[in-house]
């Protein structure tokens, strides 16, 4: 068969087609996503799930690179500047610059996950508006299980917290614990670990799941189920990074965000029950319900947090909280 035969020409054409199409087939847009949580924590796992869902929804055309070298406190600025494309940030960290985001960590306004979701749905349009002011979009938000208190010894009331060094996750909770005479310190998990080893932290305000992930029961065998607050992890994205994606990629990213959010809220109760089982299996003492005196002392110490929050937000935002509180079922 001669070089000019139809078969030879066909093979040459196929080879050229493969050469031209392979780069397009293999081309992939990669976005950076910052998360302040280790892979073995609840929110670290959620970040990995979102990354996998993005790849699946886009048929491999879009991928996320997870990084943990930027702290939550810097996420808003880093995302605005385009240093990172996407950030998963504790709502309390965003509240440092945008006070409205502190609404989910206000104490004793959502006593269960159903109420926390209703508050989120009510606040979501405002979250979007405020992030747009910082050149960002809201992708989704995930619930932390209810906050409780891990401690080296059982806590009966506010007096038991006096002078106790306690890890907390935002300024609201820090102020409340200060009112009770405790020694609260806002810190990330990375900052907490060496202090646990040294024995210089005697309490930690976080969820049961967070405590299980960090194995807090090794250092603080008591967990009191305060249902104190249900903060959110907010996943937000630089507006330019989103706009640079083609329509198909944008659709895939938003579909992945929706799927991740729905799965997280739907599975939250099961995650909490599993965490309780795990902590008890590891020898931790589950104190539930919390002592009434402790609840009363926390609520009394929390009033100034509500007042402070209302002074920092607009009247419109304050009215949104009033609308939510007035719509809660009678207790």
Protein backbone atom coordinates (compact mmCIF):
# COMPACT_ATOMS: atom_id res chain seq x y z
CA UNK A 1 0.00 0.00 0.00
CA UNK A 2 1.49 3.38 -1.06
CA UNK A 3 1.87 6.38 1.29
CA UNK A 4 -0.85 8.19 -0.66
CA UNK A 5 -3.39 5.42 -0.18
CA UNK A 6 -6.78 6.29 1.34
CA UNK A 7 -5.95 4.25 4.49
CA UNK A 8 -2.69 6.15 5.02
CA UNK A 9 -4.45 9.47 4.54
CA UNK A 10 -7.18 8.40 6.97
CA UNK A 11 -4.61 7.44 9.61
CA UNK A 12 -2.83 10.74 9.15
CA UNK A 13 -6.09 12.62 9.54
CA UNK A 14 -6.95 10.70 12.71
CA UNK A 15 -3.51 11.40 14.17
CA UNK A 16 -3.88 15.11 13.40
CA UNK A 17 -7.36 15.16 14.93
CA UNK A 18 -6.07 13.53 18.11
CA UNK A 19 -3.22 16.03 18.29
CA UNK A 20 -5.60 18.96 17.96
CA UNK A 21 -8.29 17.71 20.34
CA UNK A 22 -6.21 16.19 23.14
CA UNK A 23 -5.16 19.54 24.69
CA UNK A 24 -8.79 20.66 24.71
CA UNK A 25 -9.96 17.41 26.29
CA UNK A 26 -7.28 17.59 28.95
CA UNK A 27 -7.61 21.33 29.64
CA UNK A 28 -8.83 21.92 33.16
CA UNK A 29 -9.55 25.07 35.09
CA UNK A 30 -8.21 24.93 38.64
CA UNK A 31 -9.46 27.14 41.45
CA UNK A 32 -7.86 27.58 44.86
CA UNK A 33 -9.97 27.05 47.97
CA UNK A 34 -8.80 27.96 51.45
CA UNK A 35 -10.09 26.14 54.52
CA UNK A 36 -8.84 26.61 58.07
CA UNK A 37 -9.67 23.05 59.04
CA UNK A 38 -7.66 19.85 58.83
CA UNK A 39 -8.86 17.05 56.50
CA UNK A 40 -10.01 14.90 59.45
CA UNK A 41 -12.38 17.58 60.82
CA UNK A 42 -16.03 17.94 59.85
CA UNK A 43 -15.46 21.08 57.78
CA UNK A 44 -12.27 19.67 56.31
CA UNK A 45 -14.29 16.70 55.10
CA UNK A 46 -17.00 18.99 53.73
CA UNK A 47 -14.37 20.93 51.77
CA UNK A 48 -13.11 17.65 50.26
CA UNK A 49 -16.69 16.63 49.40
CA UNK A 50 -17.28 19.94 47.66
CA UNK A 51 -14.06 19.54 45.69
CA UNK A 52 -15.08 16.07 44.54
CA UNK A 53 -18.57 17.28 43.65
CA UNK A 54 -17.14 20.14 41.57
CA UNK A 55 -15.04 17.66 39.58
CA UNK A 56 -18.04 15.35 39.13
CA UNK A 57 -20.50 18.06 38.11
CA UNK A 58 -18.04 19.52 35.58
CA UNK A 59 -16.96 16.15 34.16
CA UNK A 60 -13.41 16.96 35.18
CA UNK A 61 -13.37 20.35 33.48
CA UNK A 62 -13.12 22.18 36.82
CA UNK A 63 -11.03 21.33 39.86
CA UNK A 64 -10.30 22.77 43.29
CA UNK A 65 -6.93 22.91 45.00
CA UNK A 66 -7.40 22.94 48.78
CA UNK A 67 -5.00 24.98 50.90
CA UNK A 68 -4.81 25.75 54.62
CA UNK A 69 -2.03 28.33 54.86
CA UNK A 70 -4.37 31.34 55.16
CA UNK A 71 -6.28 31.79 58.41
CA UNK A 72 -10.01 32.49 58.50
CA UNK A 73 -9.36 35.96 59.90
CA UNK A 74 -7.72 36.89 56.57
CA UNK A 75 -10.14 35.08 54.26
CA UNK A 76 -12.35 38.05 53.46
CA UNK A 77 -9.47 40.27 52.39
CA UNK A 78 -7.61 37.47 50.58
CA UNK A 79 -10.70 36.54 48.59
CA UNK A 80 -11.51 40.16 47.77
CA UNK A 81 -7.97 40.63 46.45
CA UNK A 82 -8.08 37.42 44.42
CA UNK A 83 -5.24 35.83 46.40
CA UNK A 84 -7.58 32.86 46.72
CA UNK A 85 -10.59 32.06 44.58
CA UNK A 86 -12.80 30.44 47.21
CA UNK A 87 -12.75 30.44 51.01
CA UNK A 88 -14.60 28.42 53.63
CA UNK A 89 -14.84 30.72 56.63
CA UNK A 90 -16.40 30.50 60.06
CA UNK A 91 -19.17 33.11 60.19
CA UNK A 92 -17.68 34.64 63.32
CA UNK A 93 -14.45 35.43 61.47
CA UNK A 94 -16.40 37.27 58.76
CA UNK A 95 -18.27 39.16 61.49
CA UNK A 96 -15.04 40.88 62.48
CA UNK A 97 -15.42 43.06 59.37
CA UNK A 98 -19.08 42.49 58.46
CA UNK A 99 -20.95 42.35 61.81
CA UNK A 100 -24.16 40.93 60.33
CA UNK A 101 -22.41 37.59 59.83
CA UNK A 102 -22.34 37.24 63.61
CA UNK A 103 -26.08 36.58 63.64
CA UNK A 104 -25.69 32.80 63.50
CA UNK A 105 -23.41 32.74 66.54
CA UNK A 106 -25.62 34.91 68.72
CA UNK A 107 -26.45 32.83 71.80
CA UNK A 108 -29.70 31.00 72.40
CA UNK A 109 -31.56 32.07 69.26
CA UNK A 110 -31.57 28.70 67.49
CA UNK A 111 -32.03 25.69 69.75
CA UNK A 112 -31.89 23.02 67.06
CA UNK A 113 -30.74 22.50 63.49
CA UNK A 114 -34.19 23.13 62.04
CA UNK A 115 -34.28 26.60 63.57
CA UNK A 116 -30.68 27.24 62.51
CA UNK A 117 -31.63 26.45 58.91
CA UNK A 118 -34.65 28.73 59.04
CA UNK A 119 -32.47 31.57 60.30
CA UNK A 120 -29.98 30.90 57.51
CA UNK A 121 -32.67 30.99 54.82
CA UNK A 122 -33.94 34.29 56.21
CA UNK A 123 -30.45 35.78 56.35
CA UNK A 124 -29.14 34.36 53.05
CA UNK A 125 -30.21 37.28 50.79
CA UNK A 126 -28.45 39.70 53.14
CA UNK A 127 -25.33 37.53 53.21
CA UNK A 128 -25.28 37.73 49.40
CA UNK A 129 -25.63 41.52 49.38
CA UNK A 130 -22.88 42.07 51.91
CA UNK A 131 -20.44 39.76 50.14
CA UNK A 132 -21.16 41.53 46.85
CA UNK A 133 -20.00 44.74 48.56
CA UNK A 134 -16.64 42.97 48.94
CA UNK A 135 -16.62 41.77 45.34
CA UNK A 136 -17.59 38.23 46.27
CA UNK A 137 -20.47 35.82 45.88
CA UNK A 138 -22.03 33.44 48.37
CA UNK A 139 -21.74 29.83 47.23
CA UNK A 140 -23.28 28.09 50.23
CA UNK A 141 -23.21 27.76 54.01
CA UNK A 142 -22.85 24.70 56.20
CA UNK A 143 -24.00 24.19 59.79
CA UNK A 144 -21.71 23.39 62.63
CA UNK A 145 -23.37 21.06 65.12
CA UNK A 146 -24.56 22.93 68.24
CA UNK A 147 -21.82 24.41 70.39
CA UNK A 148 -21.16 22.83 73.75
CA UNK A 149 -18.48 23.00 76.41
CA UNK A 150 -15.60 20.55 76.71
CA UNK A 151 -13.94 20.78 80.12
CA UNK A 152 -11.45 19.08 82.38
CA UNK A 153 -14.07 18.95 85.13
CA UNK A 154 -17.89 19.13 85.18
CA UNK A 155 -19.32 22.64 85.08
CA UNK A 156 -22.44 23.31 87.14
CA UNK A 157 -22.84 27.08 86.79
CA UNK A 158 -21.10 30.29 85.80
CA UNK A 159 -19.02 30.38 88.96
CA UNK A 160 -17.27 27.18 87.86
CA UNK A 161 -15.93 29.04 84.81
CA UNK A 162 -14.10 31.74 86.75
CA UNK A 163 -10.43 32.06 85.75
CA UNK A 164 -10.74 28.97 83.52
CA UNK A 165 -8.62 29.20 80.33
CA UNK A 166 -11.08 28.32 77.56
CA UNK A 167 -10.65 28.09 73.81
CA UNK A 168 -13.44 29.78 71.88
CA UNK A 169 -14.09 30.46 68.21
CA UNK A 170 -15.27 34.08 67.91
CA UNK A 171 -15.48 37.43 69.69
CA UNK A 172 -19.11 36.98 70.73
CA UNK A 173 -18.40 33.89 72.78
CA UNK A 174 -15.22 35.43 74.12
CA UNK A 175 -17.12 38.45 75.48
CA UNK A 176 -19.77 36.28 77.13
CA UNK A 177 -17.18 34.11 78.86
CA UNK A 178 -15.31 37.21 79.98
CA UNK A 179 -18.53 38.40 81.63
CA UNK A 180 -18.52 35.16 83.61
CA UNK A 181 -14.95 35.71 84.77
CA UNK A 182 -13.36 33.07 82.54
CA UNK A 183 -10.12 33.44 80.59
CA UNK A 184 -11.37 32.87 77.01
CA UNK A 185 -9.04 32.92 74.01
CA UNK A 186 -10.09 32.98 70.36
CA UNK A 187 -7.93 30.48 68.49
CA UNK A 188 -7.89 28.03 65.59
CA UNK A 189 -7.44 24.28 65.95
CA UNK A 190 -3.81 24.63 64.88
CA UNK A 191 -3.17 27.07 67.72
CA UNK A 192 -5.05 24.92 70.23
CA UNK A 193 -3.22 21.63 69.78
CA UNK A 194 0.09 22.52 71.45
CA UNK A 195 -1.75 24.15 74.35
CA UNK A 196 -3.73 20.96 74.92
CA UNK A 197 -0.51 18.97 75.07
CA UNK A 198 0.90 21.44 77.58
CA UNK A 199 -2.26 21.32 79.70
CA UNK A 200 -2.67 25.10 79.66
CA UNK A 201 -6.24 25.09 78.28
CA UNK A 202 -8.94 23.64 80.57
CA UNK A 203 -12.02 24.14 78.39
CA UNK A 204 -13.12 24.51 74.80
CA UNK A 205 -16.33 25.85 73.36
CA UNK A 206 -17.06 23.88 70.20
CA UNK A 207 -19.36 21.16 68.93
CA UNK A 208 -19.32 17.51 69.91
CA UNK A 209 -18.14 16.68 66.40
CA UNK A 210 -15.35 19.24 66.56
CA UNK A 211 -14.22 17.74 69.84
CA UNK A 212 -14.29 14.22 68.45
CA UNK A 213 -12.24 15.26 65.41
CA UNK A 214 -9.63 16.93 67.62
CA UNK A 215 -9.82 14.13 70.23
CA UNK A 216 -10.54 16.66 72.94
CA UNK A 217 -11.80 13.85 75.17
CA UNK A 218 -8.15 12.91 75.72
CA UNK A 219 -7.65 16.20 77.56
CA UNK A 220 -11.16 17.28 78.59
CA UNK A 221 -13.37 14.27 79.35
CA UNK A 222 -16.57 16.24 80.04
CA UNK A 223 -18.88 17.54 77.30
CA UNK A 224 -21.86 19.68 78.31
CA UNK A 225 -24.53 20.00 75.61
CA UNK A 226 -25.27 23.71 75.85
CA UNK A 227 -26.86 24.06 72.40
CA UNK A 228 -25.44 27.51 72.95
CA UNK A 229 -25.11 28.60 69.32
CA UNK A 230 -25.03 27.10 65.85
CA UNK A 231 -22.53 29.08 63.78
CA UNK A 232 -22.14 28.56 60.06
CA UNK A 233 -19.22 27.91 57.79
CA UNK A 234 -19.65 30.35 54.91
CA UNK A 235 -18.20 29.41 51.52
CA UNK A 236 -17.61 32.53 49.42
CA UNK A 237 -15.88 33.25 46.12
CA UNK A 238 -14.12 36.11 44.38
CA UNK A 239 -16.52 37.65 41.82
CA UNK A 240 -13.88 37.93 39.08
CA UNK A 241 -12.86 34.30 39.54
CA UNK A 242 -16.48 33.25 39.07
CA UNK A 243 -17.04 35.52 36.07
CA UNK A 244 -13.95 34.12 34.32
CA UNK A 245 -15.51 30.67 34.24
CA UNK A 246 -17.52 29.76 31.17
CA UNK A 247 -21.26 29.18 31.55
CA UNK A 248 -20.91 25.42 31.78
CA UNK A 249 -18.31 25.70 34.53
CA UNK A 250 -20.39 28.22 36.45
CA UNK A 251 -23.40 25.91 36.27
CA UNK A 252 -21.32 22.97 37.48
CA UNK A 253 -19.85 24.97 40.36
CA UNK A 254 -23.25 26.21 41.54
CA UNK A 255 -24.74 22.72 41.23
CA UNK A 256 -21.90 21.33 43.34
CA UNK A 257 -22.46 24.07 45.92
CA UNK A 258 -26.18 23.28 46.09
CA UNK A 259 -25.58 19.54 46.44
CA UNK A 260 -22.96 20.01 49.16
CA UNK A 261 -25.16 22.37 51.13
CA UNK A 262 -28.24 20.14 50.92
CA UNK A 263 -26.31 17.05 51.95
CA UNK A 264 -24.67 18.80 54.90
CA UNK A 265 -27.95 20.10 56.33
CA UNK A 266 -29.76 16.80 55.71
CA UNK A 267 -27.08 14.74 57.46
CA UNK A 268 -26.42 17.14 60.36
CA UNK A 269 -28.61 15.30 62.89
CA UNK A 270 -27.01 11.96 62.05
CA UNK A 271 -23.53 13.49 62.34
CA UNK A 272 -24.41 14.82 65.80
CA UNK A 273 -25.77 11.46 66.99
CA UNK A 274 -22.67 9.71 65.70
CA UNK A 275 -20.45 12.21 67.51
CA UNK A 276 -22.23 11.54 70.82
CA UNK A 277 -21.77 7.81 70.36
CA UNK A 278 -18.09 8.22 69.53
CA UNK A 279 -17.25 10.47 72.45
CA UNK A 280 -18.94 8.12 74.90
CA UNK A 281 -17.16 5.13 73.37
CA UNK A 282 -13.90 6.95 74.06
CA UNK A 283 -14.69 7.46 77.72
CA UNK A 284 -16.03 11.00 77.62
CA UNK A 285 -18.87 12.03 79.92
CA UNK A 286 -21.89 13.42 78.08
CA UNK A 287 -23.72 15.94 80.30
CA UNK A 288 -27.17 16.50 78.81
CA UNK A 289 -29.20 18.51 79.33
CA UNK A 290 -26.90 21.19 80.65
CA UNK A 291 -27.44 22.26 84.28
CA UNK A 292 -30.21 24.92 84.41
CA UNK A 293 -28.01 27.25 86.50
CA UNK A 294 -25.34 27.22 83.79
CA UNK A 295 -27.92 28.07 81.13
CA UNK A 296 -29.28 30.94 83.20
CA UNK A 297 -25.82 32.36 83.84
CA UNK A 298 -24.90 32.15 80.16
CA UNK A 299 -28.10 33.89 79.08
CA UNK A 300 -27.57 36.69 81.60
CA UNK A 301 -24.00 37.16 80.41
CA UNK A 302 -25.15 37.21 76.78
CA UNK A 303 -27.46 40.22 76.86
CA UNK A 304 -24.71 42.72 76.10
CA UNK A 305 -23.72 40.66 73.02
CA UNK A 306 -27.18 41.19 71.55
CA UNK A 307 -27.04 44.88 72.38
CA UNK A 308 -23.56 45.23 70.88
CA UNK A 309 -24.54 43.37 67.72
CA UNK A 310 -27.60 45.56 67.20
CA UNK A 311 -25.46 48.69 67.52
CA UNK A 312 -23.05 47.45 64.85
CA UNK A 313 -25.60 46.47 62.20
CA UNK A 314 -28.12 48.53 60.29
CA UNK A 315 -31.71 48.94 61.45
CA UNK A 316 -32.75 46.70 58.54
CA UNK A 317 -30.45 43.96 59.80
CA UNK A 318 -31.63 44.36 63.37
CA UNK A 319 -35.24 44.06 62.21
CA UNK A 320 -34.38 40.82 60.44
CA UNK A 321 -33.36 39.28 63.76
CA UNK A 322 -36.54 40.58 65.39
CA UNK A 323 -38.58 39.02 62.56
CA UNK A 324 -36.89 35.68 63.15
CA UNK A 325 -37.30 35.77 66.94
CA UNK A 326 -40.97 36.69 66.71
CA UNK A 327 -41.63 33.83 64.31
CA UNK A 328 -40.13 31.15 66.59
CA UNK A 329 -42.59 28.66 68.07
CA UNK A 330 -43.53 29.08 71.71
CA UNK A 331 -41.24 27.24 74.09
